[in-house]
């Protein structure tokens, strides 16, 4: 894609970058109210059957993911036209999803500015090594990396560490307003959870909130992981890295069934979101459908997305993700290249 075509593609997003206050308010209503209702039903069903409680918890977890998408849009100032409104609603939805608004906004902005850039990894992204880096790593680093990318740890323990622990502390170098927002979020979470424990008992609270938290957390990390981890993704060193290419080639179109697309706030149109973060979630599908070049981006489905679990390392030579077992092929090819160079 030429520079001129990239600029034109970016300009084509302009008509979709304006939020609609009525639509944003309606999304708040059809997301937060059902979540509260399902949480209440999950609590009331404890006296009937815990299986019924888990059914309500699964549904509530879906709406919690949708609340996070609203939070996510507010962090990009795309949910409302007014920046103060974005911060207020972003902070409230951040308390519900246990994410500090200002801190996550910073890290996520860095993620957008550096996504798929091999020289600028480490903030707001998933730990990813190239084949060469993995080969040169120490035994302990390899063990740590394999543990980190193990599905049980990434999608099971990951939400507990990131959401409950990491999110509670300010990053190094955070400014006063960001630190205060984190403190406000933490105090609000403790107050809300304390009030619920006082009102219904800590056992009932945990029986309802824990499965909602674990399911929504695993789903959230999965969505983030799968939309940047697919075989023919895009990664380049800083000198060769291009923002538009990183957006449309390094972020996938996760084609989900309509109910899942709705509950996840259209985040499957991740390529559109990375191309223009100012497009609100309810306009992502429209932007995709009306922009011809975006129809040819990498597309994954529920079934094909499961293949991403076998992708562990980025092969810089072949420009694709590979599994650990493919390192043998990498070493053989490297030796052949070295021998060919010597023969010359």
C-alpha atoms as a PDB file:
ATOM      1  CA  UNK A   1       0.000   0.000   0.000  1.00  0.00           C
ATOM      2  CA  UNK A   2       1.530   3.302  -1.105  1.00  0.00           C
ATOM      3  CA  UNK A   3       1.811   6.305   1.214  1.00  0.00           C
ATOM      4  CA  UNK A   4      -0.823   8.137  -0.815  1.00  0.00           C
ATOM      5  CA  UNK A   5      -3.298   5.251  -0.470  1.00  0.00           C
ATOM      6  CA  UNK A   6      -2.620   5.080   3.274  1.00  0.00           C
ATOM      7  CA  UNK A   7      -3.358   8.786   3.686  1.00  0.00           C
ATOM      8  CA  UNK A   8      -6.544   8.413   1.613  1.00  0.00           C
ATOM      9  CA  UNK A   9      -7.658   5.424   3.675  1.00  0.00           C
ATOM     10  CA  UNK A  10      -7.138   7.359   6.901  1.00  0.00           C
ATOM     11  CA  UNK A  11      -9.178  10.279   5.522  1.00  0.00           C
ATOM     12  CA  UNK A  12     -12.046   7.928   4.663  1.00  0.00           C
ATOM     13  CA  UNK A  13     -12.581   7.399   8.396  1.00  0.00           C
ATOM     14  CA  UNK A  14     -13.430  11.065   9.043  1.00  0.00           C
ATOM     15  CA  UNK A  15     -17.232  10.740   8.509  1.00  0.00           C
ATOM     16  CA  UNK A  16     -17.411   8.030  11.192  1.00  0.00           C
ATOM     17  CA  UNK A  17     -15.367   9.824  13.858  1.00  0.00           C
ATOM     18  CA  UNK A  18     -18.278  11.820  15.279  1.00  0.00           C
ATOM     19  CA  UNK A  19     -20.098  10.318  18.235  1.00  0.00           C
ATOM     20  CA  UNK A  20     -23.875  10.480  18.559  1.00  0.00           C
ATOM     21  CA  UNK A  21     -24.963  11.525  22.052  1.00  0.00           C
ATOM     22  CA  UNK A  22     -28.369   9.851  21.751  1.00  0.00           C
ATOM     23  CA  UNK A  23     -26.819   6.572  20.618  1.00  0.00           C
ATOM     24  CA  UNK A  24     -24.142   6.727  23.322  1.00  0.00           C
ATOM     25  CA  UNK A  25     -26.751   7.317  26.029  1.00  0.00           C
ATOM     26  CA  UNK A  26     -28.867   4.451  24.715  1.00  0.00           C
ATOM     27  CA  UNK A  27     -25.840   2.163  24.814  1.00  0.00           C
ATOM     28  CA  UNK A  28     -25.261   3.106  28.444  1.00  0.00           C
ATOM     29  CA  UNK A  29     -28.879   2.188  29.225  1.00  0.00           C
ATOM     30  CA  UNK A  30     -28.959  -1.110  27.279  1.00  0.00           C
ATOM     31  CA  UNK A  31     -25.637  -2.195  28.791  1.00  0.00           C
ATOM     32  CA  UNK A  32     -25.412  -1.091  32.420  1.00  0.00           C
ATOM     33  CA  UNK A  33     -29.048  -1.714  33.394  1.00  0.00           C
ATOM     34  CA  UNK A  34     -29.078  -5.328  32.079  1.00  0.00           C
ATOM     35  CA  UNK A  35     -25.760  -5.947  33.880  1.00  0.00           C
ATOM     36  CA  UNK A  36     -27.206  -4.750  37.183  1.00  0.00           C
ATOM     37  CA  UNK A  37     -30.371  -6.781  36.590  1.00  0.00           C
ATOM     38  CA  UNK A  38     -28.447  -9.960  35.798  1.00  0.00           C
ATOM     39  CA  UNK A  39     -26.188  -9.458  38.824  1.00  0.00           C
ATOM     40  CA  UNK A  40     -29.294  -9.172  41.022  1.00  0.00           C
ATOM     41  CA  UNK A  41     -30.869 -12.270  39.456  1.00  0.00           C
ATOM     42  CA  UNK A  42     -27.619 -14.190  39.991  1.00  0.00           C
ATOM     43  CA  UNK A  43     -27.761 -13.236  43.681  1.00  0.00           C
ATOM     44  CA  UNK A  44     -31.437 -14.129  44.079  1.00  0.00           C
ATOM     45  CA  UNK A  45     -30.913 -17.484  42.341  1.00  0.00           C
ATOM     46  CA  UNK A  46     -28.388 -18.576  44.995  1.00  0.00           C
ATOM     47  CA  UNK A  47     -31.318 -19.846  47.056  1.00  0.00           C
ATOM     48  CA  UNK A  48     -32.603 -21.861  44.086  1.00  0.00           C
ATOM     49  CA  UNK A  49     -29.627 -23.401  42.288  1.00  0.00           C
ATOM     50  CA  UNK A  50     -25.987 -22.411  41.826  1.00  0.00           C
ATOM     51  CA  UNK A  51     -26.161 -23.717  38.262  1.00  0.00           C
ATOM     52  CA  UNK A  52     -28.832 -21.088  37.606  1.00  0.00           C
ATOM     53  CA  UNK A  53     -26.576 -18.532  39.295  1.00  0.00           C
ATOM     54  CA  UNK A  54     -23.741 -19.428  36.920  1.00  0.00           C
ATOM     55  CA  UNK A  55     -26.045 -19.039  33.909  1.00  0.00           C
ATOM     56  CA  UNK A  56     -26.892 -15.501  35.034  1.00  0.00           C
ATOM     57  CA  UNK A  57     -23.200 -14.905  35.814  1.00  0.00           C
ATOM     58  CA  UNK A  58     -22.154 -15.863  32.276  1.00  0.00           C
ATOM     59  CA  UNK A  59     -24.702 -13.445  30.822  1.00  0.00           C
ATOM     60  CA  UNK A  60     -23.635 -10.707  33.243  1.00  0.00           C
ATOM     61  CA  UNK A  61     -19.985 -11.311  32.284  1.00  0.00           C
ATOM     62  CA  UNK A  62     -20.911 -10.635  28.668  1.00  0.00           C
ATOM     63  CA  UNK A  63     -22.449  -7.304  29.620  1.00  0.00           C
ATOM     64  CA  UNK A  64     -19.387  -6.496  31.726  1.00  0.00           C
ATOM     65  CA  UNK A  65     -17.265  -6.920  28.591  1.00  0.00           C
ATOM     66  CA  UNK A  66     -19.650  -4.525  26.833  1.00  0.00           C
ATOM     67  CA  UNK A  67     -19.263  -2.032  29.703  1.00  0.00           C
ATOM     68  CA  UNK A  68     -15.507  -2.276  29.231  1.00  0.00           C
ATOM     69  CA  UNK A  69     -15.921  -1.335  25.560  1.00  0.00           C
ATOM     70  CA  UNK A  70     -17.743   1.827  26.668  1.00  0.00           C
ATOM     71  CA  UNK A  71     -14.877   2.510  29.089  1.00  0.00           C
ATOM     72  CA  UNK A  72     -12.454   1.863  26.243  1.00  0.00           C
ATOM     73  CA  UNK A  73     -14.236   4.349  23.954  1.00  0.00           C
ATOM     74  CA  UNK A  74     -14.219   6.968  26.699  1.00  0.00           C
ATOM     75  CA  UNK A  75     -10.443   6.557  27.001  1.00  0.00           C
ATOM     76  CA  UNK A  76     -10.204   7.473  23.297  1.00  0.00           C
ATOM     77  CA  UNK A  77     -12.638  10.409  23.771  1.00  0.00           C
ATOM     78  CA  UNK A  78     -14.830   8.781  21.122  1.00  0.00           C
ATOM     79  CA  UNK A  79     -17.929   7.951  23.173  1.00  0.00           C
ATOM     80  CA  UNK A  80     -19.013  11.554  23.777  1.00  0.00           C
ATOM     81  CA  UNK A  81     -18.050  14.804  22.090  1.00  0.00           C
ATOM     82  CA  UNK A  82     -17.359  16.386  25.466  1.00  0.00           C
ATOM     83  CA  UNK A  83     -14.008  15.371  27.036  1.00  0.00           C
ATOM     84  CA  UNK A  84     -15.313  15.868  30.585  1.00  0.00           C
ATOM     85  CA  UNK A  85     -18.256  13.557  29.884  1.00  0.00           C
ATOM     86  CA  UNK A  86     -15.837  10.929  28.560  1.00  0.00           C
ATOM     87  CA  UNK A  87     -13.723  11.190  31.711  1.00  0.00           C
ATOM     88  CA  UNK A  88     -16.713  11.022  34.086  1.00  0.00           C
ATOM     89  CA  UNK A  89     -18.360   8.042  32.368  1.00  0.00           C
ATOM     90  CA  UNK A  90     -14.934   6.486  31.778  1.00  0.00           C
ATOM     91  CA  UNK A  91     -14.120   6.691  35.486  1.00  0.00           C
ATOM     92  CA  UNK A  92     -17.511   5.232  36.485  1.00  0.00           C
ATOM     93  CA  UNK A  93     -17.294   2.345  34.001  1.00  0.00           C
ATOM     94  CA  UNK A  94     -13.667   1.922  35.090  1.00  0.00           C
ATOM     95  CA  UNK A  95     -14.844   1.376  38.668  1.00  0.00           C
ATOM     96  CA  UNK A  96     -17.351  -1.229  37.459  1.00  0.00           C
ATOM     97  CA  UNK A  97     -14.687  -3.027  35.397  1.00  0.00           C
ATOM     98  CA  UNK A  98     -11.943  -2.297  38.028  1.00  0.00           C
ATOM     99  CA  UNK A  99      -9.778  -0.308  35.606  1.00  0.00           C
ATOM    100  CA  UNK A 100      -8.276   3.100  36.498  1.00  0.00           C
ATOM    101  CA  UNK A 101      -9.339   5.455  33.710  1.00  0.00           C
ATOM    102  CA  UNK A 102      -6.359   7.811  33.402  1.00  0.00           C
ATOM    103  CA  UNK A 103      -3.693   5.159  33.865  1.00  0.00           C
ATOM    104  CA  UNK A 104      -5.181   2.767  31.336  1.00  0.00           C
ATOM    105  CA  UNK A 105      -5.804   5.627  28.924  1.00  0.00           C
ATOM    106  CA  UNK A 106      -2.068   6.386  28.940  1.00  0.00           C
ATOM    107  CA  UNK A 107      -0.957   2.768  28.452  1.00  0.00           C
ATOM    108  CA  UNK A 108      -3.537   2.119  25.764  1.00  0.00           C
ATOM    109  CA  UNK A 109      -2.545   5.263  23.860  1.00  0.00           C
ATOM    110  CA  UNK A 110       1.040   3.983  23.841  1.00  0.00           C
ATOM    111  CA  UNK A 111      -0.246   0.649  22.552  1.00  0.00           C
ATOM    112  CA  UNK A 112      -1.954   2.346  19.607  1.00  0.00           C
ATOM    113  CA  UNK A 113       1.114   4.433  18.813  1.00  0.00           C
ATOM    114  CA  UNK A 114       3.491   1.461  18.890  1.00  0.00           C
ATOM    115  CA  UNK A 115       1.371  -1.582  17.938  1.00  0.00           C
ATOM    116  CA  UNK A 116       3.360  -4.044  15.777  1.00  0.00           C
ATOM    117  CA  UNK A 117       6.566  -2.009  16.227  1.00  0.00           C
ATOM    118  CA  UNK A 118       9.304  -4.460  17.205  1.00  0.00           C
ATOM    119  CA  UNK A 119      11.487  -1.710  18.660  1.00  0.00           C
ATOM    120  CA  UNK A 120       8.773  -0.238  20.898  1.00  0.00           C
ATOM    121  CA  UNK A 121       7.265  -3.203  22.687  1.00  0.00           C
ATOM    122  CA  UNK A 122       6.468  -3.353  26.384  1.00  0.00           C
ATOM    123  CA  UNK A 123       3.634  -0.911  27.162  1.00  0.00           C
ATOM    124  CA  UNK A 124      -0.021  -1.906  26.810  1.00  0.00           C
ATOM    125  CA  UNK A 125       0.731  -5.048  24.808  1.00  0.00           C
ATOM    126  CA  UNK A 126       1.190  -8.796  25.276  1.00  0.00           C
ATOM    127  CA  UNK A 127       4.741 -10.047  25.798  1.00  0.00           C
ATOM    128  CA  UNK A 128       5.965 -11.330  22.456  1.00  0.00           C
ATOM    129  CA  UNK A 129       9.448 -12.501  21.456  1.00  0.00           C
ATOM    130  CA  UNK A 130      10.884 -13.079  18.018  1.00  0.00           C
ATOM    131  CA  UNK A 131      12.398 -16.469  17.213  1.00  0.00           C
ATOM    132  CA  UNK A 132      15.895 -15.007  17.373  1.00  0.00           C
ATOM    133  CA  UNK A 133      15.242 -13.335  20.732  1.00  0.00           C
ATOM    134  CA  UNK A 134      13.873 -16.585  22.121  1.00  0.00           C
ATOM    135  CA  UNK A 135      16.916 -18.525  20.913  1.00  0.00           C
ATOM    136  CA  UNK A 136      19.240 -16.034  22.600  1.00  0.00           C
ATOM    137  CA  UNK A 137      17.238 -15.928  25.856  1.00  0.00           C
ATOM    138  CA  UNK A 138      18.466 -17.615  29.022  1.00  0.00           C
ATOM    139  CA  UNK A 139      16.848 -20.817  30.261  1.00  0.00           C
ATOM    140  CA  UNK A 140      14.942 -18.886  32.945  1.00  0.00           C
ATOM    141  CA  UNK A 141      13.700 -16.321  30.433  1.00  0.00           C
ATOM    142  CA  UNK A 142      12.439 -19.112  28.182  1.00  0.00           C
ATOM    143  CA  UNK A 143      10.621 -20.759  31.100  1.00  0.00           C
ATOM    144  CA  UNK A 144       9.076 -17.423  32.112  1.00  0.00           C
ATOM    145  CA  UNK A 145       7.982 -16.746  28.540  1.00  0.00           C
ATOM    146  CA  UNK A 146       6.431 -20.203  28.116  1.00  0.00           C
ATOM    147  CA  UNK A 147       4.583 -19.837  31.415  1.00  0.00           C
ATOM    148  CA  UNK A 148       3.360 -16.347  30.492  1.00  0.00           C
ATOM    149  CA  UNK A 149       1.900 -17.535  27.183  1.00  0.00           C
ATOM    150  CA  UNK A 150       0.420 -20.726  28.610  1.00  0.00           C
ATOM    151  CA  UNK A 151      -3.384 -20.452  28.069  1.00  0.00           C
ATOM    152  CA  UNK A 152      -4.176 -21.428  31.670  1.00  0.00           C
ATOM    153  CA  UNK A 153      -1.954 -18.679  33.040  1.00  0.00           C
ATOM    154  CA  UNK A 154      -2.733 -16.052  30.386  1.00  0.00           C
ATOM    155  CA  UNK A 155      -6.518 -16.416  30.470  1.00  0.00           C
ATOM    156  CA  UNK A 156      -6.904 -17.813  33.981  1.00  0.00           C
ATOM    157  CA  UNK A 157      -4.362 -16.109  36.246  1.00  0.00           C
ATOM    158  CA  UNK A 158      -3.837 -13.175  33.867  1.00  0.00           C
ATOM    159  CA  UNK A 159      -7.086 -11.355  34.750  1.00  0.00           C
ATOM    160  CA  UNK A 160      -6.387 -11.803  38.476  1.00  0.00           C
ATOM    161  CA  UNK A 161      -2.925 -10.269  38.195  1.00  0.00           C
ATOM    162  CA  UNK A 162      -3.705  -7.479  35.714  1.00  0.00           C
ATOM    163  CA  UNK A 163      -7.148  -6.414  36.902  1.00  0.00           C
ATOM    164  CA  UNK A 164      -6.941  -6.997  40.660  1.00  0.00           C
ATOM    165  CA  UNK A 165      -3.244  -6.289  41.346  1.00  0.00           C
ATOM    166  CA  UNK A 166      -1.481  -4.357  38.574  1.00  0.00           C
ATOM    167  CA  UNK A 167      -4.358  -1.916  38.057  1.00  0.00           C
ATOM    168  CA  UNK A 168      -4.247  -0.880  41.702  1.00  0.00           C
ATOM    169  CA  UNK A 169      -0.821   0.758  41.435  1.00  0.00           C
ATOM    170  CA  UNK A 170       0.270   3.863  39.562  1.00  0.00           C
ATOM    171  CA  UNK A 171       2.875   3.553  36.858  1.00  0.00           C
ATOM    172  CA  UNK A 172       6.286   5.103  37.341  1.00  0.00           C
ATOM    173  CA  UNK A 173       6.288   8.737  36.263  1.00  0.00           C
ATOM    174  CA  UNK A 174       2.507   9.173  36.483  1.00  0.00           C
ATOM    175  CA  UNK A 175       1.360  12.760  36.938  1.00  0.00           C
ATOM    176  CA  UNK A 176      -0.728  13.910  39.892  1.00  0.00           C
ATOM    177  CA  UNK A 177      -4.101  13.851  38.076  1.00  0.00           C
ATOM    178  CA  UNK A 178      -3.462  10.292  36.901  1.00  0.00           C
ATOM    179  CA  UNK A 179      -2.397   9.158  40.369  1.00  0.00           C
ATOM    180  CA  UNK A 180      -5.452  10.764  41.955  1.00  0.00           C
ATOM    181  CA  UNK A 181      -7.744   9.052  39.441  1.00  0.00           C
ATOM    182  CA  UNK A 182      -6.220   5.689  40.373  1.00  0.00           C
ATOM    183  CA  UNK A 183      -6.709   6.414  44.089  1.00  0.00           C
ATOM    184  CA  UNK A 184     -10.324   7.473  43.434  1.00  0.00           C
ATOM    185  CA  UNK A 185     -10.960   4.275  41.482  1.00  0.00           C
ATOM    186  CA  UNK A 186      -9.430   2.093  44.216  1.00  0.00           C
ATOM    187  CA  UNK A 187     -11.380   3.765  47.032  1.00  0.00           C
ATOM    188  CA  UNK A 188     -14.614   3.535  45.011  1.00  0.00           C
ATOM    189  CA  UNK A 189     -14.088  -0.185  44.303  1.00  0.00           C
ATOM    190  CA  UNK A 190     -13.401  -0.955  47.972  1.00  0.00           C
ATOM    191  CA  UNK A 191     -16.444   1.095  49.024  1.00  0.00           C
ATOM    192  CA  UNK A 192     -18.734  -0.561  46.451  1.00  0.00           C
ATOM    193  CA  UNK A 193     -17.560  -4.082  47.251  1.00  0.00           C
ATOM    194  CA  UNK A 194     -17.675  -3.357  50.981  1.00  0.00           C
ATOM    195  CA  UNK A 195     -21.248  -2.098  50.689  1.00  0.00           C
ATOM    196  CA  UNK A 196     -22.318  -5.199  48.761  1.00  0.00           C
ATOM    197  CA  UNK A 197     -20.616  -7.516  51.264  1.00  0.00           C
ATOM    198  CA  UNK A 198     -22.364  -5.681  54.099  1.00  0.00           C
ATOM    199  CA  UNK A 199     -25.725  -5.862  52.304  1.00  0.00           C
ATOM    200  CA  UNK A 200     -25.771  -9.491  51.105  1.00  0.00           C
ATOM    201  CA  UNK A 201     -22.844 -11.105  52.922  1.00  0.00           C
ATOM    202  CA  UNK A 202     -19.318 -11.719  51.654  1.00  0.00           C
ATOM    203  CA  UNK A 203     -20.031 -15.362  50.741  1.00  0.00           C
ATOM    204  CA  UNK A 204     -22.947 -14.451  48.473  1.00  0.00           C
ATOM    205  CA  UNK A 205     -20.943 -11.572  47.004  1.00  0.00           C
ATOM    206  CA  UNK A 206     -18.030 -13.842  46.074  1.00  0.00           C
ATOM    207  CA  UNK A 207     -20.304 -16.583  44.700  1.00  0.00           C
ATOM    208  CA  UNK A 208     -21.791 -14.037  42.285  1.00  0.00           C
ATOM    209  CA  UNK A 209     -18.943 -11.653  41.544  1.00  0.00           C
ATOM    210  CA  UNK A 210     -16.096 -14.165  41.231  1.00  0.00           C
ATOM    211  CA  UNK A 211     -17.430 -16.092  38.202  1.00  0.00           C
ATOM    212  CA  UNK A 212     -18.491 -12.825  36.525  1.00  0.00           C
ATOM    213  CA  UNK A 213     -14.997 -11.416  37.044  1.00  0.00           C
ATOM    214  CA  UNK A 214     -13.137 -14.540  35.880  1.00  0.00           C
ATOM    215  CA  UNK A 215     -15.299 -15.102  32.779  1.00  0.00           C
ATOM    216  CA  UNK A 216     -15.286 -11.468  31.643  1.00  0.00           C
ATOM    217  CA  UNK A 217     -11.571 -11.146  32.400  1.00  0.00           C
ATOM    218  CA  UNK A 218     -10.668 -14.227  30.375  1.00  0.00           C
ATOM    219  CA  UNK A 219     -12.892 -13.050  27.507  1.00  0.00           C
ATOM    220  CA  UNK A 220     -11.321  -9.585  27.552  1.00  0.00           C
ATOM    221  CA  UNK A 221      -7.762 -10.884  27.415  1.00  0.00           C
ATOM    222  CA  UNK A 222      -8.742 -13.384  24.714  1.00  0.00           C
ATOM    223  CA  UNK A 223     -10.193 -10.628  22.517  1.00  0.00           C
ATOM    224  CA  UNK A 224      -7.073  -8.513  22.906  1.00  0.00           C
ATOM    225  CA  UNK A 225      -4.763 -11.485  22.324  1.00  0.00           C
ATOM    226  CA  UNK A 226      -6.458 -12.996  19.285  1.00  0.00           C
ATOM    227  CA  UNK A 227      -6.792  -9.713  17.420  1.00  0.00           C
ATOM    228  CA  UNK A 228      -3.041  -9.194  17.382  1.00  0.00           C
ATOM    229  CA  UNK A 229      -1.910 -12.824  17.261  1.00  0.00           C
ATOM    230  CA  UNK A 230      -2.709 -14.442  13.934  1.00  0.00           C
ATOM    231  CA  UNK A 231      -0.371 -16.173  11.499  1.00  0.00           C
ATOM    232  CA  UNK A 232       0.209 -13.505   8.835  1.00  0.00           C
ATOM    233  CA  UNK A 233       0.180 -10.510  11.133  1.00  0.00           C
ATOM    234  CA  UNK A 234       2.356  -7.419  10.754  1.00  0.00           C
ATOM    235  CA  UNK A 235       5.480  -6.589  12.749  1.00  0.00           C
ATOM    236  CA  UNK A 236       8.339  -4.373  11.638  1.00  0.00           C
ATOM    237  CA  UNK A 237      11.331  -2.621  13.142  1.00  0.00           C
ATOM    238  CA  UNK A 238      10.869   1.088  13.749  1.00  0.00           C
ATOM    239  CA  UNK A 239      12.600   2.194  10.535  1.00  0.00           C
ATOM    240  CA  UNK A 240      10.155   0.168   8.406  1.00  0.00           C
ATOM    241  CA  UNK A 241       7.074   0.470  10.614  1.00  0.00           C
ATOM    242  CA  UNK A 242       3.995   2.247   9.214  1.00  0.00           C
ATOM    243  CA  UNK A 243       0.946   3.235  11.270  1.00  0.00           C
ATOM    244  CA  UNK A 244      -1.728   2.415   8.681  1.00  0.00           C
ATOM    245  CA  UNK A 245      -0.185  -0.940   7.801  1.00  0.00           C
ATOM    246  CA  UNK A 246       0.069  -1.800  11.485  1.00  0.00           C
ATOM    247  CA  UNK A 247      -3.639  -0.991  11.838  1.00  0.00           C
ATOM    248  CA  UNK A 248      -5.078  -2.869   8.861  1.00  0.00           C
ATOM    249  CA  UNK A 249      -2.542  -5.720   8.676  1.00  0.00           C
ATOM    250  CA  UNK A 250      -1.491  -6.067  12.308  1.00  0.00           C
ATOM    251  CA  UNK A 251      -5.046  -5.992  13.715  1.00  0.00           C
ATOM    252  CA  UNK A 252      -7.553  -8.602  12.631  1.00  0.00           C
ATOM    253  CA  UNK A 253     -11.203  -8.495  11.654  1.00  0.00           C
ATOM    254  CA  UNK A 254     -12.700 -10.941  14.164  1.00  0.00           C
ATOM    255  CA  UNK A 255     -15.909 -11.954  12.413  1.00  0.00           C
ATOM    256  CA  UNK A 256     -18.197 -12.998  15.243  1.00  0.00           C
ATOM    257  CA  UNK A 257     -21.820 -14.184  15.242  1.00  0.00           C
ATOM    258  CA  UNK A 258     -24.176 -11.196  15.612  1.00  0.00           C
ATOM    259  CA  UNK A 259     -25.065 -11.808  19.301  1.00  0.00           C
ATOM    260  CA  UNK A 260     -21.361 -11.986  20.245  1.00  0.00           C
ATOM    261  CA  UNK A 261     -20.575  -9.019  18.019  1.00  0.00           C
ATOM    262  CA  UNK A 262     -23.204  -6.987  19.891  1.00  0.00           C
ATOM    263  CA  UNK A 263     -22.176  -8.051  23.390  1.00  0.00           C
ATOM    264  CA  UNK A 264     -18.498  -7.277  22.621  1.00  0.00           C
ATOM    265  CA  UNK A 265     -19.311  -3.824  21.283  1.00  0.00           C
ATOM    266  CA  UNK A 266     -18.113  -4.489  17.716  1.00  0.00           C
ATOM    267  CA  UNK A 267     -14.515  -4.787  18.949  1.00  0.00           C
ATOM    268  CA  UNK A 268     -14.069  -7.511  16.317  1.00  0.00           C
ATOM    269  CA  UNK A 269     -13.644  -4.658  13.843  1.00  0.00           C
ATOM    270  CA  UNK A 270     -10.285  -4.096  15.469  1.00  0.00           C
ATOM    271  CA  UNK A 271      -8.589  -3.040  12.238  1.00  0.00           C
ATOM    272  CA  UNK A 272     -11.017  -0.111  11.924  1.00  0.00           C
ATOM    273  CA  UNK A 273     -10.473   0.825  15.555  1.00  0.00           C
ATOM    274  CA  UNK A 274      -6.685   0.873  15.157  1.00  0.00           C
ATOM    275  CA  UNK A 275      -6.931   2.822  11.924  1.00  0.00           C
ATOM    276  CA  UNK A 276      -9.052   5.470  13.669  1.00  0.00           C
ATOM    277  CA  UNK A 277      -9.502   5.219  17.470  1.00  0.00           C
ATOM    278  CA  UNK A 278     -11.921   8.158  17.355  1.00  0.00           C
ATOM    279  CA  UNK A 279     -14.613   6.042  15.667  1.00  0.00           C
ATOM    280  CA  UNK A 280     -17.125   5.052  18.418  1.00  0.00           C
ATOM    281  CA  UNK A 281     -17.791   1.331  18.747  1.00  0.00           C
ATOM    282  CA  UNK A 282     -21.307   1.590  17.278  1.00  0.00           C
ATOM    283  CA  UNK A 283     -19.927   2.985  14.006  1.00  0.00           C
ATOM    284  CA  UNK A 284     -17.101   0.490  13.456  1.00  0.00           C
ATOM    285  CA  UNK A 285     -19.186  -1.937  11.377  1.00  0.00           C
ATOM    286  CA  UNK A 286     -20.508   0.863   9.182  1.00  0.00           C
ATOM    287  CA  UNK A 287     -16.980   2.189   8.598  1.00  0.00           C
ATOM    288  CA  UNK A 288     -15.809  -1.301   7.637  1.00  0.00           C
ATOM    289  CA  UNK A 289     -18.695  -1.996   5.262  1.00  0.00           C
ATOM    290  CA  UNK A 290     -18.397   1.353   3.465  1.00  0.00           C
ATOM    291  CA  UNK A 291     -14.617   1.341   3.020  1.00  0.00           C
ATOM    292  CA  UNK A 292     -13.568  -0.999   0.218  1.00  0.00           C
ATOM    293  CA  UNK A 293      -9.874  -1.501   1.177  1.00  0.00           C
ATOM    294  CA  UNK A 294     -10.901  -2.652   4.661  1.00  0.00           C
ATOM    295  CA  UNK A 295     -12.838  -5.598   3.252  1.00  0.00           C
ATOM    296  CA  UNK A 296      -9.570  -7.322   2.344  1.00  0.00           C
ATOM    297  CA  UNK A 297      -7.952  -7.230   5.780  1.00  0.00           C
ATOM    298  CA  UNK A 298      -6.967 -10.421   7.700  1.00  0.00           C
ATOM    299  CA  UNK A 299     -10.205 -12.082   8.818  1.00  0.00           C
ATOM    300  CA  UNK A 300     -10.592 -14.688  11.539  1.00  0.00           C
ATOM    301  CA  UNK A 301     -13.656 -16.507  12.849  1.00  0.00           C
ATOM    302  CA  UNK A 302     -14.488 -18.274  16.098  1.00  0.00           C
ATOM    303  CA  UNK A 303     -13.108 -21.557  14.776  1.00  0.00           C
ATOM    304  CA  UNK A 304      -9.997 -20.208  13.043  1.00  0.00           C
ATOM    305  CA  UNK A 305      -9.175 -17.937  16.004  1.00  0.00           C
ATOM    306  CA  UNK A 306      -8.423 -21.006  18.120  1.00  0.00           C
ATOM    307  CA  UNK A 307      -5.339 -21.550  15.956  1.00  0.00           C
ATOM    308  CA  UNK A 308      -3.781 -18.492  17.573  1.00  0.00           C
ATOM    309  CA  UNK A 309      -3.110 -20.577  20.682  1.00  0.00           C
ATOM    310  CA  UNK A 310      -0.313 -22.349  18.813  1.00  0.00           C
ATOM    311  CA  UNK A 311       1.392 -19.116  17.751  1.00  0.00           C
ATOM    312  CA  UNK A 312       4.159 -18.314  20.206  1.00  0.00           C
ATOM    313  CA  UNK A 313       6.982 -16.505  18.416  1.00  0.00           C
ATOM    314  CA  UNK A 314       7.342 -14.015  15.586  1.00  0.00           C
ATOM    315  CA  UNK A 315       9.569 -15.181  12.741  1.00  0.00           C
ATOM    316  CA  UNK A 316      11.142 -12.009  11.311  1.00  0.00           C
ATOM    317  CA  UNK A 317      12.451 -13.806   8.233  1.00  0.00           C
ATOM    318  CA  UNK A 318       9.185 -15.466   7.231  1.00  0.00           C
ATOM    319  CA  UNK A 319       7.035 -12.587   8.540  1.00  0.00           C
ATOM    320  CA  UNK A 320       4.624 -14.794  10.442  1.00  0.00           C
ATOM    321  CA  UNK A 321       3.857 -16.286  13.858  1.00  0.00           C
ATOM    322  CA  UNK A 322       5.225 -19.768  14.518  1.00  0.00           C
ATOM    323  CA  UNK A 323       4.978 -22.421  17.221  1.00  0.00           C
ATOM    324  CA  UNK A 324       7.848 -23.464  19.485  1.00  0.00           C
ATOM    325  CA  UNK A 325       8.254 -26.712  17.531  1.00  0.00           C
ATOM    326  CA  UNK A 326       9.024 -24.763  14.364  1.00  0.00           C
ATOM    327  CA  UNK A 327      12.258 -23.440  15.867  1.00  0.00           C
ATOM    328  CA  UNK A 328      13.987 -26.550  14.487  1.00  0.00           C
ATOM    329  CA  UNK A 329      13.098 -25.470  10.964  1.00  0.00           C
ATOM    330  CA  UNK A 330      14.383 -21.990  11.761  1.00  0.00           C
ATOM    331  CA  UNK A 331      17.756 -23.361  12.879  1.00  0.00           C
ATOM    332  CA  UNK A 332      18.048 -25.572   9.795  1.00  0.00           C
ATOM    333  CA  UNK A 333      17.281 -22.674   7.465  1.00  0.00           C
ATOM    334  CA  UNK A 334      19.778 -20.462   9.299  1.00  0.00           C
ATOM    335  CA  UNK A 335      22.513 -23.089   8.935  1.00  0.00           C
ATOM    336  CA  UNK A 336      21.738 -23.508   5.228  1.00  0.00           C
ATOM    337  CA  UNK A 337      21.958 -19.739   4.728  1.00  0.00           C
ATOM    338  CA  UNK A 338      25.292 -19.615   6.540  1.00  0.00           C
ATOM    339  CA  UNK A 339      26.678 -22.480   4.472  1.00  0.00           C
ATOM    340  CA  UNK A 340      25.494 -20.857   1.253  1.00  0.00           C
ATOM    341  CA  UNK A 341      27.200 -17.598   2.252  1.00  0.00           C
ATOM    342  CA  UNK A 342      30.477 -19.403   2.936  1.00  0.00           C
ATOM    343  CA  UNK A 343      30.374 -21.187  -0.430  1.00  0.00           C
ATOM    344  CA  UNK A 344      30.064 -17.838  -2.174  1.00  0.00           C
END
